[in-house]
């Protein structure tokens, strides 16, 4: 009894490449990443600190910050078309970040008054 060797169908190389391109595109764009909440809050608090602490030295900083945040929001909205949203988590407040913001506010009152 002769053993039969399975044959592999011959496919068009262009079809194989288009399938591979689609799989690579899907793997890179439609990934569900865990959001970096700590980094996002840290970025916002640092930006808030720069604006309130050095607002008297560089008054144009608030406008630059506004423009930067606007561009970031638009780019994130466009990115939502190609990525999956992360699962929402519920929480009460922003935690210890509120303490940081209130401390920065109190320090800025002293520095801006001086």
PDB file of N, CA and C in Angstrom:
ATOM      1  N   UNK A   1       0.846  -1.151   0.000  1.00  0.00           N
ATOM      2  CA  UNK A   1       0.000   0.000   0.000  1.00  0.00           C
ATOM      3  C   UNK A   1       0.902   1.228   0.000  1.00  0.00           C
ATOM      4  N   UNK A   2       0.755   2.057  -0.969  1.00  0.00           N
ATOM      5  CA  UNK A   2       1.573   3.251  -1.117  1.00  0.00           C
ATOM      6  C   UNK A   2       0.960   4.398  -0.319  1.00  0.00           C
ATOM      7  N   UNK A   3       1.795   5.081   0.403  1.00  0.00           N
ATOM      8  CA  UNK A   3       1.269   6.217   1.168  1.00  0.00           C
ATOM      9  C   UNK A   3       1.125   7.422   0.249  1.00  0.00           C
ATOM     10  N   UNK A   4       0.044   8.114   0.465  1.00  0.00           N
ATOM     11  CA  UNK A   4      -0.211   9.272  -0.376  1.00  0.00           C
ATOM     12  C   UNK A   4       0.284  10.536   0.327  1.00  0.00           C
ATOM     13  N   UNK A   5       0.987  11.340  -0.400  1.00  0.00           N
ATOM     14  CA  UNK A   5       1.495  12.602   0.126  1.00  0.00           C
ATOM     15  C   UNK A   5       0.442  13.669  -0.165  1.00  0.00           C
ATOM     16  N   UNK A   6       0.038  14.411   0.862  1.00  0.00           N
ATOM     17  CA  UNK A   6      -0.949  15.452   0.605  1.00  0.00           C
ATOM     18  C   UNK A   6      -0.353  16.541  -0.268  1.00  0.00           C
ATOM     19  N   UNK A   7      -1.160  17.018  -1.178  1.00  0.00           N
ATOM     20  CA  UNK A   7      -0.703  18.074  -2.086  1.00  0.00           C
ATOM     21  C   UNK A   7      -1.226  19.420  -1.598  1.00  0.00           C
ATOM     22  N   UNK A   8      -0.415  20.414  -1.795  1.00  0.00           N
ATOM     23  CA  UNK A   8      -0.791  21.771  -1.418  1.00  0.00           C
ATOM     24  C   UNK A   8      -1.261  22.484  -2.675  1.00  0.00           C
ATOM     25  N   UNK A   9      -2.404  23.125  -2.529  1.00  0.00           N
ATOM     26  CA  UNK A   9      -2.937  23.834  -3.682  1.00  0.00           C
ATOM     27  C   UNK A   9      -2.040  24.997  -4.047  1.00  0.00           C
ATOM     28  N   UNK A  10      -1.912  25.218  -5.308  1.00  0.00           N
ATOM     29  CA  UNK A  10      -1.145  26.364  -5.772  1.00  0.00           C
ATOM     30  C   UNK A  10      -2.074  27.574  -5.760  1.00  0.00           C
ATOM     31  N   UNK A  11      -1.636  28.620  -5.072  1.00  0.00           N
ATOM     32  CA  UNK A  11      -2.433  29.844  -5.038  1.00  0.00           C
ATOM     33  C   UNK A  11      -1.664  30.962  -5.719  1.00  0.00           C
ATOM     34  N   UNK A  12      -2.403  31.955  -6.106  1.00  0.00           N
ATOM     35  CA  UNK A  12      -1.814  33.102  -6.778  1.00  0.00           C
ATOM     36  C   UNK A  12      -0.967  33.885  -5.774  1.00  0.00           C
ATOM     37  N   UNK A  13       0.277  34.194  -6.091  1.00  0.00           N
ATOM     38  CA  UNK A  13       1.125  34.946  -5.143  1.00  0.00           C
ATOM     39  C   UNK A  13       0.556  36.322  -4.791  1.00  0.00           C
ATOM     40  N   UNK A  14      -0.176  36.924  -5.705  1.00  0.00           N
ATOM     41  CA  UNK A  14      -0.772  38.234  -5.409  1.00  0.00           C
ATOM     42  C   UNK A  14      -1.845  38.105  -4.332  1.00  0.00           C
ATOM     43  N   UNK A  15      -2.605  37.000  -4.377  1.00  0.00           N
ATOM     44  CA  UNK A  15      -3.617  36.780  -3.350  1.00  0.00           C
ATOM     45  C   UNK A  15      -2.975  36.556  -1.982  1.00  0.00           C
ATOM     46  N   UNK A  16      -1.895  35.808  -1.963  1.00  0.00           N
ATOM     47  CA  UNK A  16      -1.200  35.538  -0.708  1.00  0.00           C
ATOM     48  C   UNK A  16      -0.663  36.838  -0.121  1.00  0.00           C
ATOM     49  N   UNK A  17      -0.094  37.690  -0.961  1.00  0.00           N
ATOM     50  CA  UNK A  17       0.447  38.959  -0.477  1.00  0.00           C
ATOM     51  C   UNK A  17      -0.657  39.881   0.022  1.00  0.00           C
ATOM     52  N   UNK A  18      -1.805  39.907  -0.656  1.00  0.00           N
ATOM     53  CA  UNK A  18      -2.883  40.784  -0.199  1.00  0.00           C
ATOM     54  C   UNK A  18      -3.454  40.282   1.126  1.00  0.00           C
ATOM     55  N   UNK A  19      -3.503  38.957   1.301  1.00  0.00           N
ATOM     56  CA  UNK A  19      -3.967  38.406   2.570  1.00  0.00           C
ATOM     57  C   UNK A  19      -2.982  38.743   3.684  1.00  0.00           C
ATOM     58  N   UNK A  20      -1.697  38.616   3.402  1.00  0.00           N
ATOM     59  CA  UNK A  20      -0.686  38.937   4.409  1.00  0.00           C
ATOM     60  C   UNK A  20      -0.700  40.422   4.760  1.00  0.00           C
ATOM     61  N   UNK A  21      -0.898  41.292   3.761  1.00  0.00           N
ATOM     62  CA  UNK A  21      -0.976  42.725   4.036  1.00  0.00           C
ATOM     63  C   UNK A  21      -2.185  43.033   4.907  1.00  0.00           C
ATOM     64  N   UNK A  22      -3.312  42.387   4.621  1.00  0.00           N
ATOM     65  CA  UNK A  22      -4.508  42.612   5.425  1.00  0.00           C
ATOM     66  C   UNK A  22      -4.295  42.137   6.859  1.00  0.00           C
ATOM     67  N   UNK A  23      -3.682  40.976   7.025  1.00  0.00           N
ATOM     68  CA  UNK A  23      -3.440  40.469   8.367  1.00  0.00           C
ATOM     69  C   UNK A  23      -2.476  41.358   9.143  1.00  0.00           C
ATOM     70  N   UNK A  24      -1.441  41.877   8.469  1.00  0.00           N
ATOM     71  CA  UNK A  24      -0.505  42.776   9.142  1.00  0.00           C
ATOM     72  C   UNK A  24      -1.183  44.084   9.524  1.00  0.00           C
ATOM     73  N   UNK A  25      -2.022  44.608   8.637  1.00  0.00           N
ATOM     74  CA  UNK A  25      -2.744  45.842   8.924  1.00  0.00           C
ATOM     75  C   UNK A  25      -3.707  45.645  10.084  1.00  0.00           C
ATOM     76  N   UNK A  26      -4.403  44.532  10.097  1.00  0.00           N
ATOM     77  CA  UNK A  26      -5.342  44.250  11.176  1.00  0.00           C
ATOM     78  C   UNK A  26      -4.613  44.064  12.492  1.00  0.00           C
ATOM     79  N   UNK A  27      -3.459  43.437  12.452  1.00  0.00           N
ATOM     80  CA  UNK A  27      -2.698  43.189  13.678  1.00  0.00           C
ATOM     81  C   UNK A  27      -2.143  44.485  14.261  1.00  0.00           C
ATOM     82  N   UNK A  28      -1.773  45.430  13.394  1.00  0.00           N
ATOM     83  CA  UNK A  28      -1.185  46.661  13.912  1.00  0.00           C
ATOM     84  C   UNK A  28      -2.229  47.702  14.281  1.00  0.00           C
ATOM     85  N   UNK A  29      -3.302  47.795  13.547  1.00  0.00           N
ATOM     86  CA  UNK A  29      -4.274  48.856  13.792  1.00  0.00           C
ATOM     87  C   UNK A  29      -5.383  48.466  14.753  1.00  0.00           C
ATOM     88  N   UNK A  30      -5.810  47.251  14.722  1.00  0.00           N
ATOM     89  CA  UNK A  30      -6.952  46.859  15.526  1.00  0.00           C
ATOM     90  C   UNK A  30      -6.552  46.138  16.807  1.00  0.00           C
ATOM     91  N   UNK A  31      -5.467  46.566  17.394  1.00  0.00           N
ATOM     92  CA  UNK A  31      -5.069  45.960  18.649  1.00  0.00           C
ATOM     93  C   UNK A  31      -5.776  46.661  19.791  1.00  0.00           C
ATOM     94  N   UNK A  32      -6.100  45.915  20.787  1.00  0.00           N
ATOM     95  CA  UNK A  32      -6.768  46.466  21.949  1.00  0.00           C
ATOM     96  C   UNK A  32      -5.722  46.647  23.042  1.00  0.00           C
ATOM     97  N   UNK A  33      -5.198  47.860  23.148  1.00  0.00           N
ATOM     98  CA  UNK A  33      -4.156  48.124  24.118  1.00  0.00           C
ATOM     99  C   UNK A  33      -4.765  48.540  25.444  1.00  0.00           C
ATOM    100  N   UNK A  34      -4.053  48.260  26.496  1.00  0.00           N
ATOM    101  CA  UNK A  34      -4.459  48.727  27.817  1.00  0.00           C
ATOM    102  C   UNK A  34      -4.065  50.204  27.900  1.00  0.00           C
ATOM    103  N   UNK A  35      -5.006  51.088  28.218  1.00  0.00           N
ATOM    104  CA  UNK A  35      -4.662  52.507  28.232  1.00  0.00           C
ATOM    105  C   UNK A  35      -3.706  52.854  29.369  1.00  0.00           C
ATOM    106  N   UNK A  36      -2.839  53.810  29.104  1.00  0.00           N
ATOM    107  CA  UNK A  36      -1.863  54.253  30.094  1.00  0.00           C
ATOM    108  C   UNK A  36      -2.466  55.406  30.884  1.00  0.00           C
ATOM    109  N   UNK A  37      -3.327  55.076  31.840  1.00  0.00           N
ATOM    110  CA  UNK A  37      -4.055  56.090  32.587  1.00  0.00           C
ATOM    111  C   UNK A  37      -3.109  56.900  33.456  1.00  0.00           C
ATOM    112  N   UNK A  38      -2.141  56.257  34.081  1.00  0.00           N
ATOM    113  CA  UNK A  38      -1.194  56.963  34.932  1.00  0.00           C
ATOM    114  C   UNK A  38      -0.405  57.997  34.127  1.00  0.00           C
ATOM    115  N   UNK A  39       0.069  57.605  32.973  1.00  0.00           N
ATOM    116  CA  UNK A  39       0.818  58.527  32.121  1.00  0.00           C
ATOM    117  C   UNK A  39      -0.027  59.685  31.628  1.00  0.00           C
ATOM    118  N   UNK A  40      -1.291  59.399  31.291  1.00  0.00           N
ATOM    119  CA  UNK A  40      -2.178  60.460  30.825  1.00  0.00           C
ATOM    120  C   UNK A  40      -2.452  61.480  31.921  1.00  0.00           C
ATOM    121  N   UNK A  41      -2.745  61.001  33.131  1.00  0.00           N
ATOM    122  CA  UNK A  41      -2.975  61.926  34.243  1.00  0.00           C
ATOM    123  C   UNK A  41      -1.711  62.719  34.562  1.00  0.00           C
ATOM    124  N   UNK A  42      -0.564  62.064  34.519  1.00  0.00           N
ATOM    125  CA  UNK A  42       0.683  62.746  34.833  1.00  0.00           C
ATOM    126  C   UNK A  42       0.951  63.859  33.817  1.00  0.00           C
ATOM    127  N   UNK A  43       0.706  63.574  32.558  1.00  0.00           N
ATOM    128  CA  UNK A  43       0.895  64.579  31.517  1.00  0.00           C
ATOM    129  C   UNK A  43      -0.014  65.786  31.748  1.00  0.00           C
ATOM    130  N   UNK A  44      -1.261  65.533  32.100  1.00  0.00           N
ATOM    131  CA  UNK A  44      -2.202  66.630  32.319  1.00  0.00           C
ATOM    132  C   UNK A  44      -1.853  67.453  33.553  1.00  0.00           C
ATOM    133  N   UNK A  45      -1.435  66.804  34.628  1.00  0.00           N
ATOM    134  CA  UNK A  45      -1.083  67.533  35.846  1.00  0.00           C
ATOM    135  C   UNK A  45       0.187  68.356  35.635  1.00  0.00           C
ATOM    136  N   UNK A  46       1.162  67.822  34.920  1.00  0.00           N
ATOM    137  CA  UNK A  46       2.383  68.579  34.636  1.00  0.00           C
ATOM    138  C   UNK A  46       2.062  69.789  33.770  1.00  0.00           C
ATOM    139  N   UNK A  47       1.224  69.603  32.777  1.00  0.00           N
ATOM    140  CA  UNK A  47       0.833  70.722  31.920  1.00  0.00           C
ATOM    141  C   UNK A  47       0.072  71.784  32.730  1.00  0.00           C
ATOM    142  N   UNK A  48      -0.820  71.344  33.599  1.00  0.00           N
ATOM    143  CA  UNK A  48      -1.541  72.264  34.478  1.00  0.00           C
ATOM    144  C   UNK A  48      -0.572  73.026  35.369  1.00  0.00           C
ATOM    145  N   UNK A  49       0.416  72.328  35.901  1.00  0.00           N
ATOM    146  CA  UNK A  49       1.418  72.968  36.750  1.00  0.00           C
ATOM    147  C   UNK A  49       2.217  74.015  36.013  1.00  0.00           C
ATOM    148  N   UNK A  50       2.636  73.717  34.776  1.00  0.00           N
ATOM    149  CA  UNK A  50       3.377  74.705  33.997  1.00  0.00           C
ATOM    150  C   UNK A  50       2.541  75.960  33.758  1.00  0.00           C
ATOM    151  N   UNK A  51       1.278  75.777  33.447  1.00  0.00           N
ATOM    152  CA  UNK A  51       0.426  76.916  33.117  1.00  0.00           C
ATOM    153  C   UNK A  51       0.172  77.777  34.348  1.00  0.00           C
ATOM    154  N   UNK A  52      -0.133  77.177  35.481  1.00  0.00           N
ATOM    155  CA  UNK A  52      -0.473  78.005  36.641  1.00  0.00           C
ATOM    156  C   UNK A  52       0.760  78.536  37.372  1.00  0.00           C
ATOM    157  N   UNK A  53       1.866  77.805  37.341  1.00  0.00           N
ATOM    158  CA  UNK A  53       3.057  78.282  38.038  1.00  0.00           C
ATOM    159  C   UNK A  53       3.814  79.331  37.230  1.00  0.00           C
ATOM    160  N   UNK A  54       3.862  79.181  35.930  1.00  0.00           N
ATOM    161  CA  UNK A  54       4.650  80.086  35.095  1.00  0.00           C
ATOM    162  C   UNK A  54       3.779  80.928  34.178  1.00  0.00           C
ATOM    163  N   UNK A  55       2.529  81.130  34.555  1.00  0.00           N
ATOM    164  CA  UNK A  55       1.613  81.930  33.741  1.00  0.00           C
ATOM    165  C   UNK A  55       1.996  83.391  33.671  1.00  0.00           C
ATOM    166  N   UNK A  56       2.594  83.915  34.729  1.00  0.00           N
ATOM    167  CA  UNK A  56       3.002  85.316  34.710  1.00  0.00           C
ATOM    168  C   UNK A  56       4.262  85.527  33.880  1.00  0.00           C
ATOM    169  N   UNK A  57       5.109  84.545  33.792  1.00  0.00           N
ATOM    170  CA  UNK A  57       6.336  84.668  33.019  1.00  0.00           C
ATOM    171  C   UNK A  57       6.067  84.464  31.528  1.00  0.00           C
ATOM    172  N   UNK A  58       5.215  83.513  31.194  1.00  0.00           N
ATOM    173  CA  UNK A  58       4.917  83.188  29.793  1.00  0.00           C
ATOM    174  C   UNK A  58       3.402  83.118  29.611  1.00  0.00           C
ATOM    175  N   UNK A  59       2.738  84.288  29.442  1.00  0.00           N
ATOM    176  CA  UNK A  59       1.275  84.286  29.330  1.00  0.00           C
ATOM    177  C   UNK A  59       0.760  83.587  28.069  1.00  0.00           C
ATOM    178  N   UNK A  60       1.591  83.491  27.050  1.00  0.00           N
ATOM    179  CA  UNK A  60       1.179  82.814  25.822  1.00  0.00           C
ATOM    180  C   UNK A  60       1.124  81.295  26.005  1.00  0.00           C
ATOM    181  N   UNK A  61       1.656  80.812  27.127  1.00  0.00           N
ATOM    182  CA  UNK A  61       1.679  79.369  27.391  1.00  0.00           C
ATOM    183  C   UNK A  61       0.305  78.740  27.437  1.00  0.00           C
ATOM    184  N   UNK A  62      -0.683  79.468  27.935  1.00  0.00           N
ATOM    185  CA  UNK A  62      -2.047  78.933  27.992  1.00  0.00           C
ATOM    186  C   UNK A  62      -2.604  78.720  26.588  1.00  0.00           C
ATOM    187  N   UNK A  63      -2.328  79.649  25.676  1.00  0.00           N
ATOM    188  CA  UNK A  63      -2.802  79.508  24.294  1.00  0.00           C
ATOM    189  C   UNK A  63      -2.083  78.353  23.595  1.00  0.00           C
ATOM    190  N   UNK A  64      -0.795  78.221  23.844  1.00  0.00           N
ATOM    191  CA  UNK A  64      -0.032  77.110  23.261  1.00  0.00           C
ATOM    192  C   UNK A  64      -0.543  75.781  23.805  1.00  0.00           C
ATOM    193  N   UNK A  65      -0.843  75.748  25.088  1.00  0.00           N
ATOM    194  CA  UNK A  65      -1.382  74.542  25.709  1.00  0.00           C
ATOM    195  C   UNK A  65      -2.745  74.186  25.129  1.00  0.00           C
ATOM    196  N   UNK A  66      -3.579  75.199  24.940  1.00  0.00           N
ATOM    197  CA  UNK A  66      -4.902  74.969  24.352  1.00  0.00           C
ATOM    198  C   UNK A  66      -4.777  74.403  22.941  1.00  0.00           C
ATOM    199  N   UNK A  67      -3.901  74.986  22.138  1.00  0.00           N
ATOM    200  CA  UNK A  67      -3.696  74.505  20.773  1.00  0.00           C
ATOM    201  C   UNK A  67      -3.161  73.074  20.766  1.00  0.00           C
ATOM    202  N   UNK A  68      -2.228  72.789  21.658  1.00  0.00           N
ATOM    203  CA  UNK A  68      -1.671  71.437  21.759  1.00  0.00           C
ATOM    204  C   UNK A  68      -2.743  70.421  22.149  1.00  0.00           C
ATOM    205  N   UNK A  69      -3.573  70.772  23.123  1.00  0.00           N
ATOM    206  CA  UNK A  69      -4.644  69.862  23.542  1.00  0.00           C
ATOM    207  C   UNK A  69      -5.672  69.667  22.444  1.00  0.00           C
ATOM    208  N   UNK A  70      -5.973  70.707  21.687  1.00  0.00           N
ATOM    209  CA  UNK A  70      -6.931  70.594  20.582  1.00  0.00           C
ATOM    210  C   UNK A  70      -6.421  69.625  19.514  1.00  0.00           C
ATOM    211  N   UNK A  71      -5.163  69.766  19.150  1.00  0.00           N
ATOM    212  CA  UNK A  71      -4.573  68.867  18.148  1.00  0.00           C
ATOM    213  C   UNK A  71      -4.559  67.429  18.665  1.00  0.00           C
ATOM    214  N   UNK A  72      -4.260  67.249  19.936  1.00  0.00           N
ATOM    215  CA  UNK A  72      -4.229  65.910  20.517  1.00  0.00           C
ATOM    216  C   UNK A  72      -5.626  65.279  20.524  1.00  0.00           C
ATOM    217  N   UNK A  73      -6.645  66.056  20.851  1.00  0.00           N
ATOM    218  CA  UNK A  73      -8.013  65.528  20.858  1.00  0.00           C
ATOM    219  C   UNK A  73      -8.441  65.111  19.463  1.00  0.00           C
ATOM    220  N   UNK A  74      -8.150  65.944  18.467  1.00  0.00           N
ATOM    221  CA  UNK A  74      -8.518  65.615  17.086  1.00  0.00           C
ATOM    222  C   UNK A  74      -7.801  64.347  16.624  1.00  0.00           C
ATOM    223  N   UNK A  75      -6.516  64.220  16.941  1.00  0.00           N
ATOM    224  CA  UNK A  75      -5.779  63.026  16.506  1.00  0.00           C
ATOM    225  C   UNK A  75      -6.293  61.771  17.210  1.00  0.00           C
ATOM    226  N   UNK A  76      -6.680  61.896  18.487  1.00  0.00           N
ATOM    227  CA  UNK A  76      -7.217  60.735  19.193  1.00  0.00           C
ATOM    228  C   UNK A  76      -8.592  60.348  18.663  1.00  0.00           C
ATOM    229  N   UNK A  77      -9.394  61.321  18.279  1.00  0.00           N
ATOM    230  CA  UNK A  77     -10.699  61.003  17.695  1.00  0.00           C
ATOM    231  C   UNK A  77     -10.547  60.284  16.359  1.00  0.00           C
ATOM    232  N   UNK A  78      -9.580  60.716  15.570  1.00  0.00           N
ATOM    233  CA  UNK A  78      -9.353  60.036  14.287  1.00  0.00           C
ATOM    234  C   UNK A  78      -8.769  58.644  14.494  1.00  0.00           C
ATOM    235  N   UNK A  79      -7.978  58.468  15.546  1.00  0.00           N
ATOM    236  CA  UNK A  79      -7.395  57.155  15.827  1.00  0.00           C
ATOM    237  C   UNK A  79      -8.462  56.163  16.273  1.00  0.00           C
ATOM    238  N   UNK A  80      -9.564  56.653  16.845  1.00  0.00           N
ATOM    239  CA  UNK A  80     -10.636  55.749  17.272  1.00  0.00           C
ATOM    240  C   UNK A  80     -11.297  55.046  16.093  1.00  0.00           C
ATOM    241  N   UNK A  81     -11.143  55.601  14.882  1.00  0.00           N
ATOM    242  CA  UNK A  81     -11.701  54.943  13.705  1.00  0.00           C
ATOM    243  C   UNK A  81     -10.972  53.644  13.385  1.00  0.00           C
ATOM    244  N   UNK A  82      -9.726  53.523  13.838  1.00  0.00           N
ATOM    245  CA  UNK A  82      -8.905  52.381  13.450  1.00  0.00           C
ATOM    246  C   UNK A  82      -8.511  51.478  14.609  1.00  0.00           C
ATOM    247  N   UNK A  83      -8.860  51.827  15.809  1.00  0.00           N
ATOM    248  CA  UNK A  83      -8.480  51.018  16.956  1.00  0.00           C
ATOM    249  C   UNK A  83      -9.706  50.644  17.767  1.00  0.00           C
ATOM    250  N   UNK A  84      -9.540  49.651  18.562  1.00  0.00           N
ATOM    251  CA  UNK A  84     -10.622  49.244  19.455  1.00  0.00           C
ATOM    252  C   UNK A  84     -10.526  50.029  20.751  1.00  0.00           C
ATOM    253  N   UNK A  85     -11.657  50.408  21.258  1.00  0.00           N
ATOM    254  CA  UNK A  85     -11.669  51.117  22.532  1.00  0.00           C
ATOM    255  C   UNK A  85     -11.409  50.137  23.659  1.00  0.00           C
ATOM    256  N   UNK A  86     -10.764  50.643  24.678  1.00  0.00           N
ATOM    257  CA  UNK A  86     -10.509  49.818  25.855  1.00  0.00           C
ATOM    258  C   UNK A  86     -11.794  49.684  26.662  1.00  0.00           C
ATOM    259  N   UNK A  87     -11.879  48.647  27.437  1.00  0.00           N
ATOM    260  CA  UNK A  87     -13.045  48.436  28.282  1.00  0.00           C
ATOM    261  C   UNK A  87     -13.098  49.512  29.362  1.00  0.00           C
ATOM    262  N   UNK A  88     -14.259  50.081  29.561  1.00  0.00           N
ATOM    263  CA  UNK A  88     -14.425  51.153  30.540  1.00  0.00           C
ATOM    264  C   UNK A  88     -14.378  50.591  31.954  1.00  0.00           C
ATOM    265  N   UNK A  89     -13.760  51.335  32.825  1.00  0.00           N
ATOM    266  CA  UNK A  89     -13.693  50.960  34.239  1.00  0.00           C
ATOM    267  C   UNK A  89     -14.307  52.094  35.047  1.00  0.00           C
ATOM    268  N   UNK A  90     -15.085  51.735  36.043  1.00  0.00           N
ATOM    269  CA  UNK A  90     -15.706  52.772  36.859  1.00  0.00           C
ATOM    270  C   UNK A  90     -14.833  53.084  38.070  1.00  0.00           C
ATOM    271  N   UNK A  91     -14.858  54.337  38.470  1.00  0.00           N
ATOM    272  CA  UNK A  91     -14.127  54.759  39.653  1.00  0.00           C
ATOM    273  C   UNK A  91     -14.805  56.006  40.206  1.00  0.00           C
ATOM    274  N   UNK A  92     -14.440  56.355  41.410  1.00  0.00           N
ATOM    275  CA  UNK A  92     -15.007  57.528  42.047  1.00  0.00           C
ATOM    276  C   UNK A  92     -13.910  58.578  42.140  1.00  0.00           C
ATOM    277  N   UNK A  93     -14.042  59.651  41.378  1.00  0.00           N
ATOM    278  CA  UNK A  93     -13.065  60.732  41.416  1.00  0.00           C
ATOM    279  C   UNK A  93     -11.777  60.373  40.706  1.00  0.00           C
ATOM    280  N   UNK A  94     -10.767  61.235  40.905  1.00  0.00           N
ATOM    281  CA  UNK A  94      -9.470  61.004  40.270  1.00  0.00           C
ATOM    282  C   UNK A  94      -8.400  60.632  41.285  1.00  0.00           C
ATOM    283  N   UNK A  95      -8.819  60.340  42.492  1.00  0.00           N
ATOM    284  CA  UNK A  95      -7.905  59.818  43.497  1.00  0.00           C
ATOM    285  C   UNK A  95      -6.908  60.834  44.001  1.00  0.00           C
ATOM    286  N   UNK A  96      -5.666  60.423  44.119  1.00  0.00           N
ATOM    287  CA  UNK A  96      -4.632  61.282  44.688  1.00  0.00           C
ATOM    288  C   UNK A  96      -4.203  62.391  43.738  1.00  0.00           C
ATOM    289  N   UNK A  97      -4.629  62.314  42.480  1.00  0.00           N
ATOM    290  CA  UNK A  97      -4.304  63.391  41.552  1.00  0.00           C
ATOM    291  C   UNK A  97      -4.965  64.697  41.982  1.00  0.00           C
ATOM    292  N   UNK A  98      -6.108  64.612  42.641  1.00  0.00           N
ATOM    293  CA  UNK A  98      -6.762  65.828  43.127  1.00  0.00           C
ATOM    294  C   UNK A  98      -5.919  66.507  44.190  1.00  0.00           C
ATOM    295  N   UNK A  99      -5.239  65.735  45.023  1.00  0.00           N
ATOM    296  CA  UNK A  99      -4.329  66.316  46.015  1.00  0.00           C
ATOM    297  C   UNK A  99      -3.169  67.040  45.333  1.00  0.00           C
ATOM    298  N   UNK A 100      -2.648  66.449  44.278  1.00  0.00           N
ATOM    299  CA  UNK A 100      -1.553  67.089  43.529  1.00  0.00           C
ATOM    300  C   UNK A 100      -2.017  68.398  42.907  1.00  0.00           C
ATOM    301  N   UNK A 101      -3.203  68.391  42.334  1.00  0.00           N
ATOM    302  CA  UNK A 101      -3.728  69.600  41.694  1.00  0.00           C
ATOM    303  C   UNK A 101      -3.983  70.687  42.727  1.00  0.00           C
ATOM    304  N   UNK A 102      -4.538  70.345  43.871  1.00  0.00           N
ATOM    305  CA  UNK A 102      -4.790  71.356  44.895  1.00  0.00           C
ATOM    306  C   UNK A 102      -3.478  71.893  45.474  1.00  0.00           C
ATOM    307  N   UNK A 103      -2.472  71.037  45.620  1.00  0.00           N
ATOM    308  CA  UNK A 103      -1.163  71.509  46.095  1.00  0.00           C
ATOM    309  C   UNK A 103      -0.528  72.460  45.085  1.00  0.00           C
ATOM    310  N   UNK A 104      -0.605  72.120  43.816  1.00  0.00           N
ATOM    311  CA  UNK A 104      -0.074  73.004  42.775  1.00  0.00           C
ATOM    312  C   UNK A 104      -0.795  74.343  42.770  1.00  0.00           C
ATOM    313  N   UNK A 105      -2.100  74.322  42.978  1.00  0.00           N
ATOM    314  CA  UNK A 105      -2.881  75.549  42.993  1.00  0.00           C
ATOM    315  C   UNK A 105      -2.458  76.441  44.166  1.00  0.00           C
ATOM    316  N   UNK A 106      -2.267  75.856  45.334  1.00  0.00           N
ATOM    317  CA  UNK A 106      -1.863  76.645  46.495  1.00  0.00           C
ATOM    318  C   UNK A 106      -0.446  77.207  46.330  1.00  0.00           C
ATOM    319  N   UNK A 107       0.451  76.431  45.762  1.00  0.00           N
ATOM    320  CA  UNK A 107       1.808  76.912  45.508  1.00  0.00           C
ATOM    321  C   UNK A 107       1.793  78.025  44.473  1.00  0.00           C
ATOM    322  N   UNK A 108       0.935  77.894  43.464  1.00  0.00           N
ATOM    323  CA  UNK A 108       0.887  78.922  42.411  1.00  0.00           C
ATOM    324  C   UNK A 108       0.354  80.236  42.942  1.00  0.00           C
ATOM    325  N   UNK A 109      -0.530  80.197  43.916  1.00  0.00           N
ATOM    326  CA  UNK A 109      -1.015  81.448  44.509  1.00  0.00           C
ATOM    327  C   UNK A 109       0.134  82.194  45.154  1.00  0.00           C
ATOM    328  N   UNK A 110       0.992  81.467  45.846  1.00  0.00           N
ATOM    329  CA  UNK A 110       2.136  82.093  46.516  1.00  0.00           C
ATOM    330  C   UNK A 110       3.141  82.624  45.483  1.00  0.00           C
ATOM    331  N   UNK A 111       3.484  81.799  44.490  1.00  0.00           N
ATOM    332  CA  UNK A 111       4.507  82.220  43.516  1.00  0.00           C
ATOM    333  C   UNK A 111       4.002  83.341  42.622  1.00  0.00           C
ATOM    334  N   UNK A 112       2.747  83.315  42.221  1.00  0.00           N
ATOM    335  CA  UNK A 112       2.237  84.374  41.355  1.00  0.00           C
ATOM    336  C   UNK A 112       2.034  85.675  42.126  1.00  0.00           C
ATOM    337  N   UNK A 113       1.774  85.596  43.419  1.00  0.00           N
ATOM    338  CA  UNK A 113       1.654  86.811  44.235  1.00  0.00           C
ATOM    339  C   UNK A 113       3.029  87.459  44.435  1.00  0.00           C
ATOM    340  N   UNK A 114       4.049  86.650  44.556  1.00  0.00           N
ATOM    341  CA  UNK A 114       5.405  87.181  44.768  1.00  0.00           C
ATOM    342  C   UNK A 114       5.891  87.813  43.486  1.00  0.00           C
TER     343      UNK A 114
END
